[in-house]
Amino acid sequence: MSTIFSTAFFTLLFLSTILFLSMLSPQPEKDTEEKQITHDLTYNHDLDNNDNFSPDGEWLVYDTRTDDGGIAESARIEKVNVKTGEIKVLFKVENNEIWGPGAGAVSYSPKENSVVFIHGLAKSTKENPYQQWRRTGVIVEDSKPNVPIYMDARDLTFPYTPGALRGGTHRHEWSGDGQWIGFTYNDAILKALEDSIGKKRNLRTIGVSKRKKAVHVDKNTENVSGEWYSALVVRVVPEPKRGSDEISHAAGDSWIGTNGYLRPDGKRQIARAFLGTVVDKNGKDVPEVFVVDIPDDITKPGEFGPLEGTETDFPMPPKGTLQKRLTFTADSKYPGCSGIVRSSPDGNSLAYFAKDIKGVLQIFLMSPKGGKPQQLTEHESDVSGNLRWHPDGQHVSYVWNGSIMLCQTESAPFQDRCQTLTTSSNPAPTNIVWAHDGKMFAFNRAVKAKNGNDATLQVFVKSFEQK
């Protein structure tokens, strides 16, 4: 008995010693914990709800805009390593002023180590600063920092050039194959016309650029030659007919699927989903969900006019574009849709915000081919934005009650489909973005400086495992 007791005693002593020593040793940070990876509290690290992960998931790209000056005061595009926190500058605007040029709203290509972002016109001045209609898209390759590739051509000299635009592109988004970039757009020619006649002509619409061929324009202080071919694909009008599908404003756009959606004939159709503002029968503006089918060849003029536009009207969509309205909330108790319309990776479902029958802002799902919307969330108070699909196509993330949430799209009781991914905070986390493999997501939190007053946006990441 004494021998057995002695053996058990020393075994227990040995295990206790090992446990004690392991407690003294540094323990690795749990992968499931939120991890702050930027720490300089003197400036913002703004993800801006774009596609910020590099193709390999190792880096996140962001801009450095200010709270007051916005993108005009963002002089740098930076990237941070998600594991080490190392920061590299991809692009810097030398001698940037409060009026611009500025560089911001940056996204990574899903296929190449290249980013695209807004760049204000080089000739920005105090009298003629960065504006919505005075900017363009610039691409920078990781291997060649500070070497700008001007994507979309800009031609303000009549007669205008097909394949070029005349204003400012922004919120650039790569397609799944990396061969297209979609964007929203404002037109400088029509802004000048609006100022001269006193009638609304500075409308927002949507365009695309394709890696097809370069577009060269005559040199001018505000003209820019581009390496991609560009066209507007959504038609807007200043005064839509009441009760019609005409729209005066198009925004909140994104690509449908990584490779379009499946048409009834079995072919894939490249398209963008967006919010288009119609006018109801009482003359009230109502944002509704639309889809625009985009032809593979965007160089042929369509039925509404020239691709390059005229001195009194927009560049017009190419032949083969088809603009379709999907939602009809104008006559409902709570009309209108909001947010960025986001597509599932397979292109089968669109997600957007609208109010339910109780007047609470929720997430709804709908096929890009039309049909009846399906209410996804059933919260007691409004969801508050940052809608993104998980790469598995079976979950949607968003912000509610100060936390990032994740909801399954399968039919099941709501309480069984929804989980909380982050702790609740005020202000809430923003700018959610998922890594391509779905195993990590990133977001911004406002972090206060030591003085307890000033706060800047910092980048956080968190690993994710399916339950």
Protein backbone atom coordinates (compact mmCIF):
# COMPACT_ATOMS: atom_id res chain seq x y z
CA MET A 1 0.00 0.00 0.00
CA SER A 2 2.84 2.37 0.88
CA THR A 3 4.48 1.79 -2.51
CA ILE A 4 1.23 2.53 -4.36
CA PHE A 5 0.66 5.61 -2.23
CA SER A 6 4.20 6.83 -2.84
CA THR A 7 3.91 6.37 -6.59
CA ALA A 8 0.57 8.21 -6.71
CA PHE A 9 1.99 11.03 -4.58
CA PHE A 10 5.00 11.64 -6.81
CA THR A 11 2.88 11.38 -9.95
CA LEU A 12 0.52 14.01 -8.58
CA LEU A 13 3.45 16.21 -7.55
CA PHE A 14 4.96 15.95 -11.04
CA LEU A 15 1.71 16.87 -12.79
CA SER A 16 1.15 19.79 -10.42
CA THR A 17 4.64 21.10 -11.13
CA ILE A 18 4.07 20.90 -14.88
CA LEU A 19 0.74 22.75 -14.51
CA PHE A 20 2.37 25.44 -12.34
CA LEU A 21 5.21 26.00 -14.82
CA SER A 22 2.80 26.19 -17.73
CA MET A 23 0.88 28.91 -15.90
CA LEU A 24 4.10 30.89 -15.52
CA SER A 25 4.93 30.58 -19.24
CA PRO A 26 3.51 33.15 -21.68
CA GLN A 27 0.26 31.87 -23.14
CA PRO A 28 -0.60 32.44 -26.80
CA GLU A 29 -3.48 34.81 -27.50
CA LYS A 30 -6.68 32.99 -28.27
CA ASP A 31 -7.52 33.12 -31.97
CA THR A 32 -11.14 33.80 -31.10
CA GLU A 33 -10.31 37.07 -29.34
CA GLU A 34 -10.58 40.46 -31.02
CA LYS A 35 -7.13 41.67 -31.96
CA GLN A 36 -6.26 45.32 -32.56
CA ILE A 37 -3.64 45.47 -35.33
CA THR A 38 -3.23 49.24 -35.82
CA HIS A 39 -2.21 51.39 -32.87
CA ASP A 40 -1.21 54.88 -34.01
CA LEU A 41 -3.91 57.04 -32.43
CA THR A 42 -2.90 60.16 -34.35
CA TYR A 43 -4.82 59.22 -37.50
CA ASN A 44 -7.70 57.12 -38.86
CA HIS A 45 -7.25 53.71 -40.48
CA ASP A 46 -10.52 53.65 -42.43
CA LEU A 47 -11.65 50.39 -44.08
CA ASP A 48 -14.68 52.22 -45.51
CA ASN A 49 -16.80 49.06 -45.98
CA ASN A 50 -14.78 48.04 -49.04
CA ASP A 51 -12.99 44.82 -50.08
CA ASN A 52 -9.87 45.26 -47.98
CA PHE A 53 -8.28 41.81 -47.70
CA SER A 54 -5.42 40.90 -50.03
CA PRO A 55 -5.97 37.75 -52.14
CA ASP A 56 -3.88 35.66 -49.71
CA GLY A 57 -5.63 37.12 -46.65
CA GLU A 58 -2.36 38.39 -45.15
CA TRP A 59 -2.94 42.14 -45.52
CA LEU A 60 -5.66 44.73 -45.04
CA VAL A 61 -5.67 47.98 -46.99
CA TYR A 62 -7.20 51.26 -45.76
CA ASP A 63 -7.08 55.05 -46.17
CA THR A 64 -6.16 57.79 -43.70
CA ARG A 65 -9.03 60.26 -44.16
CA THR A 66 -9.81 62.78 -41.44
CA ASP A 67 -13.13 63.23 -39.67
CA ASP A 68 -13.52 66.81 -40.88
CA GLY A 69 -11.80 66.81 -44.27
CA GLY A 70 -12.65 63.30 -45.41
CA ILE A 71 -10.86 61.77 -48.40
CA ALA A 72 -9.51 65.16 -49.52
CA GLU A 73 -7.25 65.11 -46.47
CA SER A 74 -6.21 61.46 -46.84
CA ALA A 75 -2.63 61.64 -48.12
CA ARG A 76 -1.83 57.90 -47.87
CA ILE A 77 -3.04 54.46 -48.80
CA GLU A 78 -1.60 51.96 -46.32
CA LYS A 79 -1.76 48.23 -45.66
CA VAL A 80 -1.29 46.33 -42.42
CA ASN A 81 -0.28 42.71 -41.92
CA VAL A 82 -3.02 40.85 -40.02
CA LYS A 83 -0.51 38.69 -38.11
CA THR A 84 2.41 41.00 -37.34
CA GLY A 85 0.85 44.48 -37.48
CA GLU A 86 3.54 45.63 -39.91
CA ILE A 87 2.42 48.69 -41.89
CA LYS A 88 3.50 49.59 -45.41
CA VAL A 89 2.61 52.68 -47.44
CA LEU A 90 1.32 51.74 -50.90
CA PHE A 91 0.71 55.29 -52.12
CA LYS A 92 1.41 58.76 -50.83
CA VAL A 93 0.19 62.10 -52.17
CA GLU A 94 3.08 64.48 -51.78
CA ASN A 95 2.27 67.92 -50.39
CA ASN A 96 -1.42 67.10 -49.95
CA GLU A 97 -3.54 70.03 -48.77
CA ILE A 98 -6.88 70.23 -46.96
CA TRP A 99 -8.54 70.72 -50.36
CA GLY A 100 -6.90 67.67 -51.91
CA PRO A 101 -6.07 65.94 -54.13
CA GLY A 102 -6.51 63.16 -51.54
CA ALA A 103 -6.59 59.37 -51.95
CA GLY A 104 -9.09 57.01 -50.35
CA ALA A 105 -11.84 54.38 -50.43
CA VAL A 106 -9.43 51.60 -51.38
CA SER A 107 -10.15 47.97 -52.35
CA TYR A 108 -7.96 44.97 -53.13
CA SER A 109 -8.33 42.93 -56.30
CA PRO A 110 -9.50 39.38 -55.46
CA LYS A 111 -7.05 37.95 -58.01
CA GLU A 112 -3.92 40.14 -58.00
CA ASN A 113 -1.87 42.06 -55.49
CA SER A 114 -3.25 45.36 -56.72
CA VAL A 115 -5.52 47.96 -55.15
CA VAL A 116 -7.86 50.57 -56.64
CA PHE A 117 -8.84 53.81 -54.94
CA ILE A 118 -10.17 57.33 -55.45
CA HIS A 119 -7.60 59.96 -56.40
CA GLY A 120 -8.59 63.62 -56.56
CA LEU A 121 -7.44 65.64 -59.54
CA ALA A 122 -3.80 66.66 -59.34
CA LYS A 123 -4.69 70.32 -59.97
CA SER A 124 -6.85 70.62 -56.85
CA THR A 125 -6.73 74.11 -55.35
CA LYS A 126 -8.50 76.05 -52.63
CA GLU A 127 -10.72 77.61 -55.29
CA ASN A 128 -11.27 74.31 -57.14
CA PRO A 129 -10.94 71.54 -54.53
CA TYR A 130 -11.54 67.81 -54.42
CA GLN A 131 -15.19 67.18 -55.34
CA GLN A 132 -17.44 64.26 -56.26
CA TRP A 133 -17.13 65.23 -59.92
CA ARG A 134 -13.37 65.94 -59.75
CA ARG A 135 -11.75 62.57 -59.07
CA THR A 136 -10.74 59.37 -60.81
CA GLY A 137 -9.77 55.75 -60.12
CA VAL A 138 -6.12 54.81 -59.64
CA ILE A 139 -4.62 51.32 -59.42
CA VAL A 140 -1.38 50.58 -57.58
CA GLU A 141 0.41 47.22 -57.59
CA ASP A 142 1.92 46.02 -54.33
CA SER A 143 5.23 45.42 -56.07
CA LYS A 144 5.31 49.01 -57.38
CA PRO A 145 4.20 51.37 -54.60
CA ASN A 146 3.66 55.01 -55.51
CA VAL A 147 3.38 54.18 -59.23
CA PRO A 148 -0.18 55.15 -60.19
CA ILE A 149 -2.03 53.43 -63.03
CA TYR A 150 -4.91 55.70 -64.03
CA MET A 151 -7.86 53.41 -64.62
CA ASP A 152 -10.72 55.48 -66.06
CA ALA A 153 -10.09 58.16 -68.66
CA ARG A 154 -11.59 61.63 -68.09
CA ASP A 155 -12.34 63.95 -71.03
CA LEU A 156 -13.88 67.40 -70.53
CA THR A 157 -13.03 68.65 -74.02
CA PHE A 158 -15.85 68.52 -76.57
CA PRO A 159 -16.25 66.37 -78.64
CA TYR A 160 -15.88 63.82 -75.89
CA THR A 161 -14.21 60.43 -76.26
CA PRO A 162 -15.98 57.03 -76.17
CA GLY A 163 -14.54 54.95 -73.34
CA ALA A 164 -13.82 58.07 -71.29
CA LEU A 165 -16.07 59.79 -68.73
CA ARG A 166 -16.36 63.46 -67.74
CA GLY A 167 -16.46 63.65 -63.97
CA GLY A 168 -15.59 61.58 -60.94
CA THR A 169 -15.68 57.86 -60.24
CA HIS A 170 -15.78 56.55 -56.67
CA ARG A 171 -16.48 53.50 -54.47
CA HIS A 172 -14.55 51.30 -56.89
CA GLU A 173 -15.19 47.55 -56.65
CA TRP A 174 -13.42 44.74 -58.50
CA SER A 175 -15.45 41.95 -60.08
CA GLY A 176 -14.82 38.37 -58.98
CA ASP A 177 -12.54 37.68 -61.94
CA GLY A 178 -10.64 40.96 -61.56
CA GLN A 179 -11.44 42.04 -65.15
CA TRP A 180 -14.07 44.69 -64.30
CA ILE A 181 -14.31 47.54 -61.82
CA GLY A 182 -17.70 49.00 -60.92
CA PHE A 183 -18.26 52.43 -59.39
CA THR A 184 -20.65 55.28 -58.70
CA TYR A 185 -20.26 58.47 -60.68
CA ASN A 186 -20.93 62.22 -60.80
CA ASP A 187 -20.55 64.28 -63.99
CA ALA A 188 -18.58 67.55 -64.12
CA ILE A 189 -20.18 68.73 -67.39
CA LEU A 190 -23.68 68.39 -65.96
CA LYS A 191 -22.63 69.96 -62.64
CA ALA A 192 -21.50 73.04 -64.59
CA LEU A 193 -24.77 72.98 -66.54
CA GLU A 194 -26.74 72.77 -63.30
CA ASP A 195 -24.90 75.80 -61.94
CA SER A 196 -25.58 77.78 -65.11
CA ILE A 197 -29.32 77.02 -65.52
CA GLY A 198 -30.30 76.57 -61.87
CA LYS A 199 -31.98 73.20 -62.46
CA LYS A 200 -30.96 69.83 -61.04
CA ARG A 201 -28.59 67.99 -63.36
CA ASN A 202 -25.83 66.81 -61.01
CA LEU A 203 -27.23 63.30 -60.58
CA ARG A 204 -25.42 60.25 -59.24
CA THR A 205 -25.31 57.12 -61.37
CA ILE A 206 -23.32 53.91 -61.89
CA GLY A 207 -20.64 52.83 -64.34
CA VAL A 208 -18.09 50.13 -65.05
CA SER A 209 -14.57 49.92 -66.42
CA LYS A 210 -13.24 46.87 -68.24
CA ARG A 211 -9.65 45.76 -68.68
CA LYS A 212 -10.10 45.92 -72.45
CA LYS A 213 -8.02 48.70 -73.94
CA ALA A 214 -6.47 52.02 -73.02
CA VAL A 215 -8.31 55.27 -73.77
CA HIS A 216 -6.19 58.27 -74.70
CA VAL A 217 -7.58 61.81 -74.55
CA ASP A 218 -6.29 65.25 -75.49
CA LYS A 219 -4.12 66.77 -72.81
CA ASN A 220 -5.88 69.33 -70.69
CA THR A 221 -5.39 70.47 -67.09
CA GLU A 222 -8.32 68.27 -66.03
CA ASN A 223 -8.24 65.52 -68.66
CA VAL A 224 -6.79 62.12 -67.78
CA SER A 225 -5.98 59.19 -70.08
CA GLY A 226 -6.90 55.77 -68.68
CA GLU A 227 -5.74 52.19 -69.07
CA TRP A 228 -9.27 50.71 -68.89
CA TYR A 229 -12.39 51.32 -71.04
CA SER A 230 -15.29 52.92 -69.15
CA ALA A 231 -19.04 53.34 -69.65
CA LEU A 232 -22.06 54.33 -67.60
CA VAL A 233 -24.56 51.48 -67.35
CA VAL A 234 -27.48 53.04 -65.46
CA ARG A 235 -29.68 55.76 -66.95
CA VAL A 236 -30.86 58.53 -64.62
CA VAL A 237 -33.16 61.47 -65.41
CA PRO A 238 -33.69 64.76 -63.51
CA GLU A 239 -37.47 64.41 -63.24
CA PRO A 240 -38.73 60.80 -63.26
CA LYS A 241 -42.35 60.27 -64.19
CA ARG A 242 -44.54 59.63 -61.17
CA GLY A 243 -45.25 55.96 -60.65
CA SER A 244 -42.74 54.88 -63.30
CA ASP A 245 -39.48 52.91 -63.11
CA GLU A 246 -37.42 55.96 -64.13
CA ILE A 247 -34.85 56.99 -61.51
CA SER A 248 -33.06 60.20 -60.56
CA HIS A 249 -30.32 58.70 -58.39
CA ALA A 250 -28.40 55.40 -58.42
CA ALA A 251 -26.03 54.27 -55.65
CA GLY A 252 -25.54 51.53 -53.05
CA ASP A 253 -24.27 49.27 -55.83
CA SER A 254 -22.27 46.03 -55.93
CA TRP A 255 -21.50 43.14 -58.27
CA ILE A 256 -23.94 40.26 -58.35
CA GLY A 257 -22.07 37.06 -57.49
CA THR A 258 -18.41 36.36 -58.11
CA ASN A 259 -19.41 35.53 -61.68
CA GLY A 260 -22.83 37.09 -62.20
CA TYR A 261 -26.14 35.28 -61.79
CA LEU A 262 -27.66 32.31 -63.60
CA ARG A 263 -30.19 33.32 -66.23
CA PRO A 264 -33.21 31.14 -67.12
CA ASP A 265 -31.36 30.02 -70.26
CA GLY A 266 -28.56 28.58 -68.12
CA LYS A 267 -25.97 31.25 -68.99
CA ARG A 268 -24.20 33.48 -66.49
CA GLN A 269 -25.05 37.18 -66.64
CA ILE A 270 -22.68 39.81 -65.28
CA ALA A 271 -24.68 42.48 -63.49
CA ARG A 272 -24.75 45.05 -60.71
CA ALA A 273 -27.41 45.49 -58.06
CA PHE A 274 -28.16 48.97 -56.73
CA LEU A 275 -30.69 51.32 -55.20
CA GLY A 276 -32.51 53.52 -57.70
CA THR A 277 -34.66 56.43 -56.55
CA VAL A 278 -38.10 56.44 -58.18
CA VAL A 279 -40.93 58.93 -57.64
CA ASP A 280 -44.21 57.56 -56.29
CA LYS A 281 -47.65 58.67 -57.44
CA ASN A 282 -47.63 61.44 -54.81
CA GLY A 283 -44.30 62.86 -55.96
CA LYS A 284 -42.20 61.43 -53.11
CA ASP A 285 -38.73 59.96 -53.72
CA VAL A 286 -38.49 56.24 -52.90
CA PRO A 287 -35.27 54.16 -53.15
CA GLU A 288 -35.96 50.72 -54.64
CA VAL A 289 -33.74 47.73 -55.47
CA PHE A 290 -32.71 47.50 -59.13
CA VAL A 291 -30.47 45.26 -61.22
CA VAL A 292 -28.64 46.20 -64.41
CA ASP A 293 -27.45 43.47 -66.78
CA ILE A 294 -24.17 44.43 -68.45
CA PRO A 295 -23.09 43.21 -71.90
CA ASP A 296 -19.63 41.73 -72.35
CA ASP A 297 -18.95 44.34 -75.05
CA ILE A 298 -19.44 47.86 -73.66
CA THR A 299 -18.07 49.67 -76.73
CA LYS A 300 -21.30 49.76 -78.75
CA PRO A 301 -23.72 52.70 -78.25
CA GLY A 302 -27.22 51.90 -77.00
CA GLU A 303 -30.66 53.30 -77.79
CA PHE A 304 -30.46 56.39 -75.58
CA GLY A 305 -27.46 58.15 -77.11
CA PRO A 306 -23.67 58.20 -77.44
CA LEU A 307 -21.42 56.42 -74.98
CA GLU A 308 -19.40 59.62 -74.50
CA GLY A 309 -22.43 61.84 -73.79
CA THR A 310 -23.29 65.31 -75.04
CA GLU A 311 -22.90 68.83 -73.67
CA THR A 312 -26.39 68.60 -72.15
CA ASP A 313 -26.73 64.94 -71.16
CA PHE A 314 -24.93 62.01 -69.59
CA PRO A 315 -22.83 59.41 -71.34
CA MET A 316 -25.42 56.75 -72.18
CA PRO A 317 -25.41 52.98 -71.46
CA PRO A 318 -23.98 50.59 -74.06
CA LYS A 319 -26.12 48.41 -76.27
CA GLY A 320 -27.34 45.37 -74.38
CA THR A 321 -27.66 46.89 -70.88
CA LEU A 322 -30.96 46.06 -69.22
CA GLN A 323 -32.15 47.99 -66.18
CA LYS A 324 -34.76 46.15 -64.06
CA ARG A 325 -36.68 47.12 -60.94
CA LEU A 326 -37.01 44.37 -58.30
CA THR A 327 -38.82 45.93 -55.32
CA PHE A 328 -42.10 47.85 -55.24
CA THR A 329 -42.36 49.33 -51.76
CA ALA A 330 -43.65 52.76 -52.82
CA ASP A 331 -47.26 51.98 -51.90
CA SER A 332 -46.46 50.12 -48.68
CA LYS A 333 -46.84 51.49 -45.15
CA TYR A 334 -43.07 51.92 -44.86
CA PRO A 335 -41.71 52.61 -48.36
CA GLY A 336 -38.08 52.52 -49.42
CA CYS A 337 -34.94 50.37 -49.21
CA SER A 338 -31.50 51.37 -47.95
CA GLY A 339 -27.83 50.44 -47.60
CA ILE A 340 -25.57 48.81 -50.14
CA VAL A 341 -27.32 45.98 -51.98
CA ARG A 342 -25.06 42.95 -51.44
CA SER A 343 -25.08 39.70 -53.40
CA SER A 344 -24.35 36.16 -52.23
CA PRO A 345 -21.20 34.71 -53.87
CA ASP A 346 -23.24 32.40 -56.11
CA GLY A 347 -25.36 35.30 -57.34
CA ASN A 348 -28.63 33.68 -56.28
CA SER A 349 -29.64 36.14 -53.57
CA LEU A 350 -29.47 39.88 -52.89
CA ALA A 351 -29.55 41.33 -49.37
CA TYR A 352 -30.69 44.84 -48.50
CA PHE A 353 -32.31 46.88 -45.72
CA ALA A 354 -36.02 47.76 -45.52
CA LYS A 355 -38.61 48.20 -42.79
CA ASP A 356 -40.84 45.34 -41.73
CA ILE A 357 -44.56 45.59 -41.05
CA LYS A 358 -43.77 46.99 -37.57
CA GLY A 359 -41.58 49.75 -38.98
CA VAL A 360 -38.32 48.15 -37.78
CA LEU A 361 -35.35 48.21 -40.17
CA GLN A 362 -34.46 44.61 -41.05
CA ILE A 363 -32.53 42.64 -43.67
CA PHE A 364 -34.45 41.23 -46.62
CA LEU A 365 -33.35 38.75 -49.28
CA MET A 366 -34.42 38.61 -52.91
CA SER A 367 -33.47 36.85 -56.13
CA PRO A 368 -31.81 39.05 -58.78
CA LYS A 369 -34.40 37.61 -61.16
CA GLY A 370 -37.24 39.09 -59.10
CA GLY A 371 -39.98 37.55 -56.99
CA LYS A 372 -41.18 38.01 -53.43
CA PRO A 373 -38.68 39.37 -50.86
CA GLN A 374 -37.92 37.21 -47.82
CA GLN A 375 -37.41 38.84 -44.42
CA LEU A 376 -34.20 37.48 -42.89
CA THR A 377 -33.84 39.24 -39.52
CA GLU A 378 -36.49 39.72 -36.85
CA HIS A 379 -34.91 42.11 -34.37
CA GLU A 380 -36.97 44.28 -32.03
CA SER A 381 -35.00 47.39 -32.99
CA ASP A 382 -33.32 48.64 -36.16
CA VAL A 383 -30.29 46.95 -37.62
CA SER A 384 -27.68 49.60 -38.28
CA GLY A 385 -25.74 48.76 -41.40
CA ASN A 386 -22.49 47.18 -42.61
CA LEU A 387 -24.25 44.36 -44.41
CA ARG A 388 -21.86 41.72 -45.78
CA TRP A 389 -22.15 38.09 -46.90
CA HIS A 390 -19.91 35.46 -45.39
CA PRO A 391 -17.94 33.78 -48.23
CA ASP A 392 -19.83 30.51 -47.65
CA GLY A 393 -22.96 32.19 -49.01
CA GLN A 394 -25.02 30.81 -46.12
CA HIS A 395 -24.60 33.65 -43.62
CA VAL A 396 -25.03 37.43 -43.57
CA SER A 397 -23.19 39.71 -41.15
CA TYR A 398 -24.32 43.15 -40.00
CA VAL A 399 -24.38 45.45 -36.96
CA TRP A 400 -27.17 45.45 -34.40
CA ASN A 401 -27.31 46.76 -30.85
CA GLY A 402 -23.65 47.77 -30.94
CA SER A 403 -22.38 44.33 -31.98
CA ILE A 404 -21.44 42.53 -35.17
CA MET A 405 -23.99 39.79 -35.80
CA LEU A 406 -24.08 36.75 -38.08
CA CYS A 407 -27.30 35.23 -39.34
CA GLN A 408 -27.87 32.00 -41.24
CA THR A 409 -30.04 32.32 -44.34
CA GLU A 410 -31.58 28.84 -43.95
CA SER A 411 -35.19 28.46 -42.83
CA ALA A 412 -35.24 28.02 -39.06
CA PRO A 413 -36.48 29.98 -36.02
CA PHE A 414 -34.68 33.34 -35.97
CA GLN A 415 -33.23 32.85 -32.49
CA ASP A 416 -31.53 29.67 -33.72
CA ARG A 417 -30.01 31.31 -36.79
CA CYS A 418 -28.36 34.37 -35.28
CA GLN A 419 -25.16 34.72 -33.25
CA THR A 420 -23.18 37.62 -31.79
CA LEU A 421 -19.58 37.89 -33.03
CA THR A 422 -18.28 40.89 -31.04
CA THR A 423 -18.95 42.60 -27.74
CA SER A 424 -21.39 45.48 -27.75
CA SER A 425 -19.90 48.96 -27.81
CA ASN A 426 -20.86 52.58 -28.31
CA PRO A 427 -19.99 53.69 -30.89
CA ALA A 428 -20.60 50.37 -32.60
CA PRO A 429 -17.97 48.63 -34.76
CA THR A 430 -18.13 49.52 -38.43
CA ASN A 431 -16.83 48.58 -41.88
CA ILE A 432 -17.02 44.78 -41.64
CA VAL A 433 -15.06 42.82 -44.25
CA TRP A 434 -14.46 39.06 -44.54
CA ALA A 435 -11.28 37.32 -45.63
CA HIS A 436 -11.74 35.29 -48.81
CA ASP A 437 -11.61 31.95 -46.95
CA GLY A 438 -14.17 33.12 -44.38
CA LYS A 439 -11.89 32.29 -41.43
CA MET A 440 -11.32 35.90 -40.35
CA PHE A 441 -13.15 39.20 -40.46
CA ALA A 442 -11.92 42.74 -39.93
CA PHE A 443 -13.65 45.90 -38.79
CA ASN A 444 -13.06 49.39 -37.44
CA ARG A 445 -13.49 50.54 -33.87
CA ALA A 446 -13.11 54.10 -32.63
CA VAL A 447 -10.32 54.10 -30.03
CA LYS A 448 -9.86 57.06 -27.72
CA ALA A 449 -6.50 58.71 -27.21
CA LYS A 450 -4.91 59.04 -23.76
CA ASN A 451 -6.59 62.40 -23.25
CA GLY A 452 -9.92 60.55 -23.31
CA ASN A 453 -11.45 62.91 -25.84
CA ASP A 454 -10.11 62.39 -29.35
CA ALA A 455 -10.84 59.05 -31.00
CA THR A 456 -9.51 57.54 -34.23
CA LEU A 457 -10.56 54.54 -36.27
CA GLN A 458 -8.33 51.53 -35.70
CA VAL A 459 -8.37 48.15 -37.44
CA PHE A 460 -9.37 45.03 -35.54
CA VAL A 461 -9.49 41.41 -36.69
CA LYS A 462 -11.08 38.30 -35.29
CA SER A 463 -10.81 34.67 -36.33
CA PHE A 464 -14.00 32.78 -37.05
CA GLU A 465 -14.88 29.10 -36.98
CA GLN A 466 -18.21 27.67 -38.06
CA LYS A 467 -20.27 26.25 -35.21
